[in-house]
All heavy atoms as atom14 arrays in JSON, in Angstrom:
{
  "sequence": "KDPRYALAFAGLSDCYALIGFFNYDILPAHEAMSMAKSFALKALEID",
  "atom14_mask": [
    [1, 1, 1, 1, 1, 1, 1, 1, 1, 0, 0, 0, 0, 0],
    [1, 1, 1, 1, 1, 1, 1, 1, 0, 0, 0, 0, 0, 0],
    [1, 1, 1, 1, 1, 1, 1, 0, 0, 0, 0, 0, 0, 0],
    [1, 1, 1, 1, 1, 1, 1, 1, 1, 1, 1, 0, 0, 0],
    [1, 1, 1, 1, 1, 1, 1, 1, 1, 1, 1, 1, 0, 0],
    [1, 1, 1, 1, 1, 0, 0, 0, 0, 0, 0, 0, 0, 0],
    [1, 1, 1, 1, 1, 1, 1, 1, 0, 0, 0, 0, 0, 0],
    [1, 1, 1, 1, 1, 0, 0, 0, 0, 0, 0, 0, 0, 0],
    [1, 1, 1, 1, 1, 1, 1, 1, 1, 1, 1, 0, 0, 0],
    [1, 1, 1, 1, 1, 0, 0, 0, 0, 0, 0, 0, 0, 0],
    [1, 1, 1, 1, 0, 0, 0, 0, 0, 0, 0, 0, 0, 0],
    [1, 1, 1, 1, 1, 1, 1, 1, 0, 0, 0, 0, 0, 0],
    [1, 1, 1, 1, 1, 1, 0, 0, 0, 0, 0, 0, 0, 0],
    [1, 1, 1, 1, 1, 1, 1, 1, 0, 0, 0, 0, 0, 0],
    [1, 1, 1, 1, 1, 1, 0, 0, 0, 0, 0, 0, 0, 0],
    [1, 1, 1, 1, 1, 1, 1, 1, 1, 1, 1, 1, 0, 0],
    [1, 1, 1, 1, 1, 0, 0, 0, 0, 0, 0, 0, 0, 0],
    [1, 1, 1, 1, 1, 1, 1, 1, 0, 0, 0, 0, 0, 0],
    [1, 1, 1, 1, 1, 1, 1, 1, 0, 0, 0, 0, 0, 0],
    [1, 1, 1, 1, 0, 0, 0, 0, 0, 0, 0, 0, 0, 0],
    [1, 1, 1, 1, 1, 1, 1, 1, 1, 1, 1, 0, 0, 0],
    [1, 1, 1, 1, 1, 1, 1, 1, 1, 1, 1, 0, 0, 0],
    [1, 1, 1, 1, 1, 1, 1, 1, 0, 0, 0, 0, 0, 0],
    [1, 1, 1, 1, 1, 1, 1, 1, 1, 1, 1, 1, 0, 0],
    [1, 1, 1, 1, 1, 1, 1, 1, 0, 0, 0, 0, 0, 0],
    [1, 1, 1, 1, 1, 1, 1, 1, 0, 0, 0, 0, 0, 0],
    [1, 1, 1, 1, 1, 1, 1, 1, 0, 0, 0, 0, 0, 0],
    [1, 1, 1, 1, 1, 1, 1, 0, 0, 0, 0, 0, 0, 0],
    [1, 1, 1, 1, 1, 0, 0, 0, 0, 0, 0, 0, 0, 0],
    [1, 1, 1, 1, 1, 1, 1, 1, 1, 1, 0, 0, 0, 0],
    [1, 1, 1, 1, 1, 1, 1, 1, 1, 0, 0, 0, 0, 0],
    [1, 1, 1, 1, 1, 0, 0, 0, 0, 0, 0, 0, 0, 0],
    [1, 1, 1, 1, 1, 1, 1, 1, 0, 0, 0, 0, 0, 0],
    [1, 1, 1, 1, 1, 1, 0, 0, 0, 0, 0, 0, 0, 0],
    [1, 1, 1, 1, 1, 1, 1, 1, 0, 0, 0, 0, 0, 0],
    [1, 1, 1, 1, 1, 0, 0, 0, 0, 0, 0, 0, 0, 0],
    [1, 1, 1, 1, 1, 1, 1, 1, 1, 0, 0, 0, 0, 0],
    [1, 1, 1, 1, 1, 1, 0, 0, 0, 0, 0, 0, 0, 0],
    [1, 1, 1, 1, 1, 1, 1, 1, 1, 1, 1, 0, 0, 0],
    [1, 1, 1, 1, 1, 0, 0, 0, 0, 0, 0, 0, 0, 0],
    [1, 1, 1, 1, 1, 1, 1, 1, 0, 0, 0, 0, 0, 0],
    [1, 1, 1, 1, 1, 1, 1, 1, 1, 0, 0, 0, 0, 0],
    [1, 1, 1, 1, 1, 0, 0, 0, 0, 0, 0, 0, 0, 0],
    [1, 1, 1, 1, 1, 1, 1, 1, 0, 0, 0, 0, 0, 0],
    [1, 1, 1, 1, 1, 1, 1, 1, 1, 0, 0, 0, 0, 0],
    [1, 1, 1, 1, 1, 1, 1, 1, 0, 0, 0, 0, 0, 0],
    [1, 1, 1, 1, 1, 1, 1, 1, 0, 0, 0, 0, 0, 0]
  ],
  "atom14_positions": [
    [[89.07, 86.99, 94.09], [88.73, 86.01, 92.99], [89.79, 86.17, 91.94], [90.07, 85.22, 91.25], [87.32, 86.36, 92.42], [86.25, 86.08, 93.49], [85.89, 84.63, 93.7], [84.66, 84.45, 94.62], [84.48, 83.0, 94.75], [0.0, 0.0, 0.0], [0.0, 0.0, 0.0], [0.0, 0.0, 0.0], [0.0, 0.0, 0.0], [0.0, 0.0, 0.0]],
    [[90.24, 87.46, 91.62], [91.15, 87.77, 90.54], [92.1, 88.81, 90.98], [91.8, 90.02, 90.99], [90.43, 88.21, 89.29], [91.41, 88.42, 88.16], [92.62, 88.27, 88.37], [90.97, 88.81, 86.97], [0.0, 0.0, 0.0], [0.0, 0.0, 0.0], [0.0, 0.0, 0.0], [0.0, 0.0, 0.0], [0.0, 0.0, 0.0], [0.0, 0.0, 0.0]],
    [[93.29, 88.4, 91.56], [94.26, 89.4, 92.05], [94.85, 90.32, 90.97], [95.5, 91.37, 91.33], [95.38, 88.55, 92.59], [94.73, 87.12, 92.92], [93.78, 86.93, 91.83], [0.0, 0.0, 0.0], [0.0, 0.0, 0.0], [0.0, 0.0, 0.0], [0.0, 0.0, 0.0], [0.0, 0.0, 0.0], [0.0, 0.0, 0.0], [0.0, 0.0, 0.0]],
    [[94.58, 89.99, 89.74], [95.14, 90.84, 88.56], [93.92, 91.73, 88.03], [94.06, 92.25, 86.88], [95.77, 89.98, 87.48], [96.86, 89.25, 88.06], [98.24, 90.08, 88.17], [98.61, 90.61, 86.97], [99.6, 91.59, 86.86], [100.19, 91.94, 87.91], [100.0, 92.04, 85.7], [0.0, 0.0, 0.0], [0.0, 0.0, 0.0], [0.0, 0.0, 0.0]],
    [[92.93, 92.0, 88.87], [91.71, 92.64, 88.2], [91.96, 94.18, 88.43], [91.57, 94.8, 89.49], [90.49, 92.14, 88.94], [89.17, 92.4, 88.27], [88.02, 92.0, 88.83], [89.07, 93.11, 87.11], [86.78, 92.21, 88.34], [87.83, 93.43, 86.54], [86.68, 92.89, 87.04], [85.5, 93.23, 86.53], [0.0, 0.0, 0.0], [0.0, 0.0, 0.0]],
    [[92.51, 94.83, 87.4], [92.95, 96.12, 87.49], [91.64, 97.14, 87.66], [91.74, 98.06, 88.52], [93.59, 96.65, 86.18], [0.0, 0.0, 0.0], [0.0, 0.0, 0.0], [0.0, 0.0, 0.0], [0.0, 0.0, 0.0], [0.0, 0.0, 0.0], [0.0, 0.0, 0.0], [0.0, 0.0, 0.0], [0.0, 0.0, 0.0], [0.0, 0.0, 0.0]],
    [[90.54, 96.83, 87.11], [89.34, 97.63, 87.3], [88.87, 97.64, 88.77], [88.44, 98.61, 89.24], [88.18, 97.13, 86.44], [88.05, 97.67, 85.03], [86.93, 96.97, 84.24], [87.8, 99.21, 85.09], [0.0, 0.0, 0.0], [0.0, 0.0, 0.0], [0.0, 0.0, 0.0], [0.0, 0.0, 0.0], [0.0, 0.0, 0.0], [0.0, 0.0, 0.0]],
    [[88.95, 96.5, 89.5], [88.63, 96.5, 90.88], [89.63, 97.33, 91.65], [89.13, 97.91, 92.69], [88.63, 95.05, 91.35], [0.0, 0.0, 0.0], [0.0, 0.0, 0.0], [0.0, 0.0, 0.0], [0.0, 0.0, 0.0], [0.0, 0.0, 0.0], [0.0, 0.0, 0.0], [0.0, 0.0, 0.0], [0.0, 0.0, 0.0], [0.0, 0.0, 0.0]],
    [[90.78, 97.34, 91.46], [91.74, 98.14, 92.05], [91.52, 99.61, 91.83], [91.58, 100.51, 92.78], [93.3, 97.9, 91.73], [93.79, 96.77, 92.33], [93.95, 95.53, 91.62], [94.16, 96.78, 93.65], [94.44, 94.42, 92.2], [94.69, 95.65, 94.3], [94.86, 94.5, 93.68], [0.0, 0.0, 0.0], [0.0, 0.0, 0.0], [0.0, 0.0, 0.0]],
    [[91.03, 99.99, 90.53], [90.73, 101.43, 90.31], [89.37, 101.64, 91.03], [89.15, 102.93, 91.57], [90.48, 101.62, 88.86], [0.0, 0.0, 0.0], [0.0, 0.0, 0.0], [0.0, 0.0, 0.0], [0.0, 0.0, 0.0], [0.0, 0.0, 0.0], [0.0, 0.0, 0.0], [0.0, 0.0, 0.0], [0.0, 0.0, 0.0], [0.0, 0.0, 0.0]],
    [[88.45, 100.77, 91.23], [87.29, 100.95, 92.06], [87.64, 101.24, 93.45], [87.03, 102.21, 94.06], [0.0, 0.0, 0.0], [0.0, 0.0, 0.0], [0.0, 0.0, 0.0], [0.0, 0.0, 0.0], [0.0, 0.0, 0.0], [0.0, 0.0, 0.0], [0.0, 0.0, 0.0], [0.0, 0.0, 0.0], [0.0, 0.0, 0.0], [0.0, 0.0, 0.0]],
    [[88.61, 100.58, 94.02], [89.03, 100.87, 95.36], [89.52, 102.2, 95.64], [89.28, 102.93, 96.53], [90.0, 99.82, 95.89], [89.42, 98.39, 96.3], [90.67, 97.54, 96.58], [88.59, 98.47, 97.5], [0.0, 0.0, 0.0], [0.0, 0.0, 0.0], [0.0, 0.0, 0.0], [0.0, 0.0, 0.0], [0.0, 0.0, 0.0], [0.0, 0.0, 0.0]],
    [[90.34, 102.62, 94.54], [90.93, 104.01, 94.56], [89.75, 104.97, 94.57], [89.79, 105.98, 95.32], [91.75, 104.0, 93.36], [92.15, 105.49, 93.25], [0.0, 0.0, 0.0], [0.0, 0.0, 0.0], [0.0, 0.0, 0.0], [0.0, 0.0, 0.0], [0.0, 0.0, 0.0], [0.0, 0.0, 0.0], [0.0, 0.0, 0.0], [0.0, 0.0, 0.0]],
    [[88.84, 104.72, 93.82], [87.62, 105.77, 93.69], [86.89, 105.79, 95.0], [86.55, 106.93, 95.47], [86.68, 105.37, 92.58], [87.34, 105.51, 91.22], [88.37, 106.26, 91.01], [86.78, 104.84, 90.27], [0.0, 0.0, 0.0], [0.0, 0.0, 0.0], [0.0, 0.0, 0.0], [0.0, 0.0, 0.0], [0.0, 0.0, 0.0], [0.0, 0.0, 0.0]],
    [[86.76, 104.72, 95.64], [86.08, 104.7, 96.99], [86.87, 105.48, 98.04], [86.34, 106.28, 98.75], [85.89, 103.34, 97.47], [84.72, 102.25, 96.63], [0.0, 0.0, 0.0], [0.0, 0.0, 0.0], [0.0, 0.0, 0.0], [0.0, 0.0, 0.0], [0.0, 0.0, 0.0], [0.0, 0.0, 0.0], [0.0, 0.0, 0.0], [0.0, 0.0, 0.0]],
    [[88.14, 105.24, 98.17], [88.92, 105.88, 99.12], [89.08, 107.42, 98.82], [89.19, 108.21, 99.76], [90.29, 105.21, 99.29], [90.22, 103.95, 100.11], [90.28, 102.7, 99.47], [89.92, 103.93, 101.54], [90.11, 101.4, 100.16], [89.82, 102.67, 102.21], [89.83, 101.53, 101.62], [89.72, 100.41, 102.29], [0.0, 0.0, 0.0], [0.0, 0.0, 0.0]],
    [[89.12, 107.7, 97.56], [89.25, 109.09, 97.15], [87.96, 109.88, 97.61], [88.08, 111.03, 98.13], [89.42, 109.28, 95.67], [0.0, 0.0, 0.0], [0.0, 0.0, 0.0], [0.0, 0.0, 0.0], [0.0, 0.0, 0.0], [0.0, 0.0, 0.0], [0.0, 0.0, 0.0], [0.0, 0.0, 0.0], [0.0, 0.0, 0.0], [0.0, 0.0, 0.0]],
    [[86.77, 109.26, 97.56], [85.62, 109.96, 97.92], [85.52, 110.03, 99.53], [85.07, 110.99, 99.98], [84.43, 109.16, 97.39], [84.07, 109.28, 95.93], [82.77, 108.64, 95.5], [84.0, 110.8, 95.63], [0.0, 0.0, 0.0], [0.0, 0.0, 0.0], [0.0, 0.0, 0.0], [0.0, 0.0, 0.0], [0.0, 0.0, 0.0], [0.0, 0.0, 0.0]],
    [[86.02, 108.92, 100.09], [86.07, 108.96, 101.61], [86.92, 110.12, 102.08], [86.59, 110.89, 102.94], [86.66, 107.63, 102.14], [85.5, 106.44, 101.93], [86.93, 107.77, 103.63], [86.04, 105.06, 102.18], [0.0, 0.0, 0.0], [0.0, 0.0, 0.0], [0.0, 0.0, 0.0], [0.0, 0.0, 0.0], [0.0, 0.0, 0.0], [0.0, 0.0, 0.0]],
    [[88.11, 110.36, 101.36], [88.98, 111.43, 101.71], [88.34, 112.73, 101.35], [88.48, 113.67, 102.14], [0.0, 0.0, 0.0], [0.0, 0.0, 0.0], [0.0, 0.0, 0.0], [0.0, 0.0, 0.0], [0.0, 0.0, 0.0], [0.0, 0.0, 0.0], [0.0, 0.0, 0.0], [0.0, 0.0, 0.0], [0.0, 0.0, 0.0], [0.0, 0.0, 0.0]],
    [[87.71, 112.8, 100.15], [87.17, 114.25, 99.72], [86.07, 114.56, 100.56], [86.03, 115.81, 100.91], [86.75, 113.96, 98.27], [86.27, 115.35, 97.73], [87.16, 116.21, 97.22], [84.88, 115.51, 97.55], [86.7, 117.46, 96.57], [84.56, 116.84, 97.01], [85.32, 117.69, 96.64], [0.0, 0.0, 0.0], [0.0, 0.0, 0.0], [0.0, 0.0, 0.0]],
    [[85.13, 113.7, 100.89], [84.01, 114.14, 101.69], [84.27, 114.06, 103.23], [83.42, 114.35, 104.04], [82.84, 113.21, 101.4], [82.21, 113.49, 100.04], [82.34, 112.48, 99.11], [81.66, 114.67, 99.63], [81.7, 112.7, 97.76], [81.15, 114.95, 98.42], [81.15, 113.87, 97.57], [0.0, 0.0, 0.0], [0.0, 0.0, 0.0], [0.0, 0.0, 0.0]],
    [[85.52, 113.52, 103.6], [86.0, 113.47, 105.0], [85.03, 112.69, 105.86], [84.65, 113.03, 106.97], [86.12, 114.94, 105.6], [87.01, 115.03, 106.75], [87.9, 114.13, 106.94], [86.8, 115.97, 107.54], [0.0, 0.0, 0.0], [0.0, 0.0, 0.0], [0.0, 0.0, 0.0], [0.0, 0.0, 0.0], [0.0, 0.0, 0.0], [0.0, 0.0, 0.0]],
    [[84.58, 111.64, 105.24], [83.81, 110.56, 106.05], [84.63, 109.97, 107.13], [85.72, 109.83, 107.0], [83.32, 109.46, 105.07], [82.2, 109.78, 104.04], [82.29, 109.44, 102.83], [81.18, 110.59, 104.51], [81.27, 109.72, 101.87], [80.22, 110.91, 103.45], [80.24, 110.5, 102.26], [79.35, 110.89, 101.27], [0.0, 0.0, 0.0], [0.0, 0.0, 0.0]],
    [[83.91, 109.83, 108.31], [84.63, 109.37, 109.47], [84.84, 107.76, 109.44], [84.58, 107.13, 110.34], [83.95, 109.7, 110.77], [82.52, 109.18, 110.77], [82.08, 108.63, 109.8], [81.96, 109.21, 111.8], [0.0, 0.0, 0.0], [0.0, 0.0, 0.0], [0.0, 0.0, 0.0], [0.0, 0.0, 0.0], [0.0, 0.0, 0.0], [0.0, 0.0, 0.0]],
    [[85.41, 107.39, 108.33], [85.97, 105.92, 108.14], [87.51, 105.96, 108.47], [87.98, 105.08, 109.04], [85.57, 105.52, 106.76], [84.06, 105.51, 106.57], [86.06, 104.05, 106.6], [83.63, 105.13, 105.18], [0.0, 0.0, 0.0], [0.0, 0.0, 0.0], [0.0, 0.0, 0.0], [0.0, 0.0, 0.0], [0.0, 0.0, 0.0], [0.0, 0.0, 0.0]],
    [[88.19, 106.84, 107.76], [89.49, 107.03, 107.87], [89.88, 108.51, 107.73], [89.11, 109.35, 107.16], [90.23, 106.36, 106.63], [90.36, 104.79, 106.47], [90.85, 104.47, 105.15], [91.22, 104.33, 107.58], [0.0, 0.0, 0.0], [0.0, 0.0, 0.0], [0.0, 0.0, 0.0], [0.0, 0.0, 0.0], [0.0, 0.0, 0.0], [0.0, 0.0, 0.0]],
    [[91.05, 108.94, 108.36], [91.37, 110.32, 108.19], [91.69, 110.6, 106.77], [92.07, 109.67, 105.94], [92.8, 110.38, 108.92], [92.79, 109.15, 109.91], [91.9, 108.21, 109.29], [0.0, 0.0, 0.0], [0.0, 0.0, 0.0], [0.0, 0.0, 0.0], [0.0, 0.0, 0.0], [0.0, 0.0, 0.0], [0.0, 0.0, 0.0], [0.0, 0.0, 0.0]],
    [[91.39, 111.81, 106.29], [91.47, 112.15, 104.91], [92.76, 111.79, 104.25], [92.79, 111.33, 103.13], [91.08, 113.65, 104.72], [0.0, 0.0, 0.0], [0.0, 0.0, 0.0], [0.0, 0.0, 0.0], [0.0, 0.0, 0.0], [0.0, 0.0, 0.0], [0.0, 0.0, 0.0], [0.0, 0.0, 0.0], [0.0, 0.0, 0.0], [0.0, 0.0, 0.0]],
    [[93.95, 112.22, 104.96], [95.13, 111.94, 104.33], [95.42, 110.46, 104.09], [96.04, 110.07, 103.13], [96.24, 112.69, 105.15], [96.53, 111.91, 106.41], [95.77, 112.27, 107.61], [97.46, 111.02, 106.85], [96.15, 111.41, 108.69], [97.34, 110.67, 108.28], [0.0, 0.0, 0.0], [0.0, 0.0, 0.0], [0.0, 0.0, 0.0], [0.0, 0.0, 0.0]],
    [[95.03, 109.68, 105.09], [95.14, 108.22, 104.93], [94.3, 107.56, 103.85], [94.79, 106.82, 103.03], [94.85, 107.57, 106.37], [95.26, 106.12, 106.33], [94.93, 105.44, 107.7], [94.91, 106.18, 108.8], [94.71, 104.27, 107.69], [0.0, 0.0, 0.0], [0.0, 0.0, 0.0], [0.0, 0.0, 0.0], [0.0, 0.0, 0.0], [0.0, 0.0, 0.0]],
    [[93.17, 108.1, 103.68], [92.25, 107.68, 102.66], [92.77, 107.94, 101.25], [92.81, 107.2, 100.31], [90.84, 108.23, 102.82], [0.0, 0.0, 0.0], [0.0, 0.0, 0.0], [0.0, 0.0, 0.0], [0.0, 0.0, 0.0], [0.0, 0.0, 0.0], [0.0, 0.0, 0.0], [0.0, 0.0, 0.0], [0.0, 0.0, 0.0], [0.0, 0.0, 0.0]],
    [[93.23, 109.27, 101.1], [93.83, 109.68, 99.93], [95.04, 108.91, 99.46], [95.38, 108.65, 98.28], [94.11, 111.27, 99.93], [92.75, 111.96, 99.69], [91.97, 111.7, 98.11], [90.79, 112.9, 98.04], [0.0, 0.0, 0.0], [0.0, 0.0, 0.0], [0.0, 0.0, 0.0], [0.0, 0.0, 0.0], [0.0, 0.0, 0.0], [0.0, 0.0, 0.0]],
    [[95.9, 108.64, 100.47], [97.08, 107.83, 100.23], [96.83, 106.45, 99.76], [97.5, 105.88, 98.84], [97.92, 107.82, 101.56], [99.12, 106.91, 101.32], [0.0, 0.0, 0.0], [0.0, 0.0, 0.0], [0.0, 0.0, 0.0], [0.0, 0.0, 0.0], [0.0, 0.0, 0.0], [0.0, 0.0, 0.0], [0.0, 0.0, 0.0], [0.0, 0.0, 0.0]],
    [[95.66, 105.86, 100.35], [95.28, 104.56, 99.88], [94.79, 104.64, 98.42], [94.92, 103.77, 97.62], [94.32, 103.97, 100.85], [94.82, 103.56, 102.17], [93.63, 102.93, 103.33], [93.31, 101.36, 102.59], [0.0, 0.0, 0.0], [0.0, 0.0, 0.0], [0.0, 0.0, 0.0], [0.0, 0.0, 0.0], [0.0, 0.0, 0.0], [0.0, 0.0, 0.0]],
    [[93.94, 105.73, 98.23], [93.44, 105.94, 96.77], [94.52, 105.9, 95.77], [94.38, 105.34, 94.68], [92.59, 107.17, 96.75], [0.0, 0.0, 0.0], [0.0, 0.0, 0.0], [0.0, 0.0, 0.0], [0.0, 0.0, 0.0], [0.0, 0.0, 0.0], [0.0, 0.0, 0.0], [0.0, 0.0, 0.0], [0.0, 0.0, 0.0], [0.0, 0.0, 0.0]],
    [[95.59, 106.72, 96.13], [96.73, 106.76, 95.1], [97.31, 105.45, 94.89], [97.75, 105.08, 93.79], [97.72, 107.79, 95.61], [98.82, 108.06, 94.63], [99.74, 109.2, 95.04], [100.86, 109.51, 93.97], [101.77, 110.56, 94.38], [0.0, 0.0, 0.0], [0.0, 0.0, 0.0], [0.0, 0.0, 0.0], [0.0, 0.0, 0.0], [0.0, 0.0, 0.0]],
    [[97.53, 104.76, 96.16], [98.18, 103.44, 95.99], [97.5, 102.47, 95.11], [98.09, 101.7, 94.38], [98.37, 102.92, 97.38], [98.97, 101.56, 97.4], [0.0, 0.0, 0.0], [0.0, 0.0, 0.0], [0.0, 0.0, 0.0], [0.0, 0.0, 0.0], [0.0, 0.0, 0.0], [0.0, 0.0, 0.0], [0.0, 0.0, 0.0], [0.0, 0.0, 0.0]],
    [[96.21, 102.4, 95.33], [95.33, 101.56, 94.49], [95.27, 101.82, 93.05], [95.23, 100.99, 92.15], [93.94, 101.45, 95.13], [93.73, 100.63, 96.36], [93.23, 101.11, 97.51], [94.26, 99.21, 96.42], [93.13, 100.34, 98.74], [94.22, 98.58, 97.56], [93.59, 99.09, 98.72], [0.0, 0.0, 0.0], [0.0, 0.0, 0.0], [0.0, 0.0, 0.0]],
    [[95.29, 103.16, 92.75], [95.27, 103.61, 91.41], [96.57, 103.25, 90.72], [96.62, 102.64, 89.62], [95.13, 105.15, 91.39], [0.0, 0.0, 0.0], [0.0, 0.0, 0.0], [0.0, 0.0, 0.0], [0.0, 0.0, 0.0], [0.0, 0.0, 0.0], [0.0, 0.0, 0.0], [0.0, 0.0, 0.0], [0.0, 0.0, 0.0], [0.0, 0.0, 0.0]],
    [[97.72, 103.32, 91.43], [99.07, 102.95, 90.98], [99.08, 101.45, 90.64], [99.73, 101.0, 89.7], [100.17, 103.44, 91.83], [100.42, 104.88, 91.88], [101.39, 105.34, 93.02], [100.91, 105.43, 90.5], [0.0, 0.0, 0.0], [0.0, 0.0, 0.0], [0.0, 0.0, 0.0], [0.0, 0.0, 0.0], [0.0, 0.0, 0.0], [0.0, 0.0, 0.0]],
    [[98.49, 100.62, 91.63], [98.49, 99.31, 91.44], [97.62, 98.76, 90.18], [98.14, 98.02, 89.49], [97.75, 98.56, 92.73], [97.65, 97.14, 92.56], [99.02, 96.38, 92.53], [98.85, 94.86, 92.61], [100.15, 94.18, 92.41], [0.0, 0.0, 0.0], [0.0, 0.0, 0.0], [0.0, 0.0, 0.0], [0.0, 0.0, 0.0], [0.0, 0.0, 0.0]],
    [[96.51, 99.51, 89.96], [95.83, 99.28, 88.72], [96.62, 99.56, 87.56], [96.45, 98.71, 86.55], [94.48, 100.07, 88.78], [0.0, 0.0, 0.0], [0.0, 0.0, 0.0], [0.0, 0.0, 0.0], [0.0, 0.0, 0.0], [0.0, 0.0, 0.0], [0.0, 0.0, 0.0], [0.0, 0.0, 0.0], [0.0, 0.0, 0.0], [0.0, 0.0, 0.0]],
    [[97.34, 100.63, 87.49], [98.21, 101.0, 86.35], [99.34, 100.08, 86.2], [99.77, 99.84, 85.09], [98.59, 102.5, 86.58], [97.57, 103.48, 86.37], [98.02, 104.92, 86.68], [96.99, 103.45, 84.91], [0.0, 0.0, 0.0], [0.0, 0.0, 0.0], [0.0, 0.0, 0.0], [0.0, 0.0, 0.0], [0.0, 0.0, 0.0], [0.0, 0.0, 0.0]],
    [[99.72, 99.55, 87.27], [100.93, 98.51, 87.21], [100.44, 97.31, 86.49], [101.26, 96.62, 85.64], [101.35, 98.26, 88.65], [102.45, 97.09, 88.78], [102.61, 96.69, 90.11], [102.79, 97.55, 91.04], [102.78, 95.55, 90.34], [0.0, 0.0, 0.0], [0.0, 0.0, 0.0], [0.0, 0.0, 0.0], [0.0, 0.0, 0.0], [0.0, 0.0, 0.0]],
    [[99.15, 96.98, 86.68], [98.54, 95.76, 85.92], [98.3, 96.15, 84.56], [98.49, 95.28, 83.68], [97.34, 95.3, 86.76], [97.68, 94.8, 88.15], [96.61, 94.2, 85.97], [96.47, 94.61, 89.05], [0.0, 0.0, 0.0], [0.0, 0.0, 0.0], [0.0, 0.0, 0.0], [0.0, 0.0, 0.0], [0.0, 0.0, 0.0], [0.0, 0.0, 0.0]],
    [[97.67, 97.22, 84.31], [97.25, 97.62, 83.03], [97.38, 99.23, 82.84], [96.51, 100.0, 83.15], [95.8, 97.36, 82.75], [95.31, 97.6, 81.32], [96.12, 98.23, 80.55], [94.07, 97.36, 80.96], [0.0, 0.0, 0.0], [0.0, 0.0, 0.0], [0.0, 0.0, 0.0], [0.0, 0.0, 0.0], [0.0, 0.0, 0.0], [0.0, 0.0, 0.0]]
  ]
}
């Protein structure tokens, strides 16, 4: 709905960080954490 919604990107980062931290069988931890960092940086790029 809003491709420049920084808070939503930060929210995605938080989700993938927890998936990696708790090692949920959704994604390998290293992949989840890499996505978490990427989404956090995207949010900061916007704001």
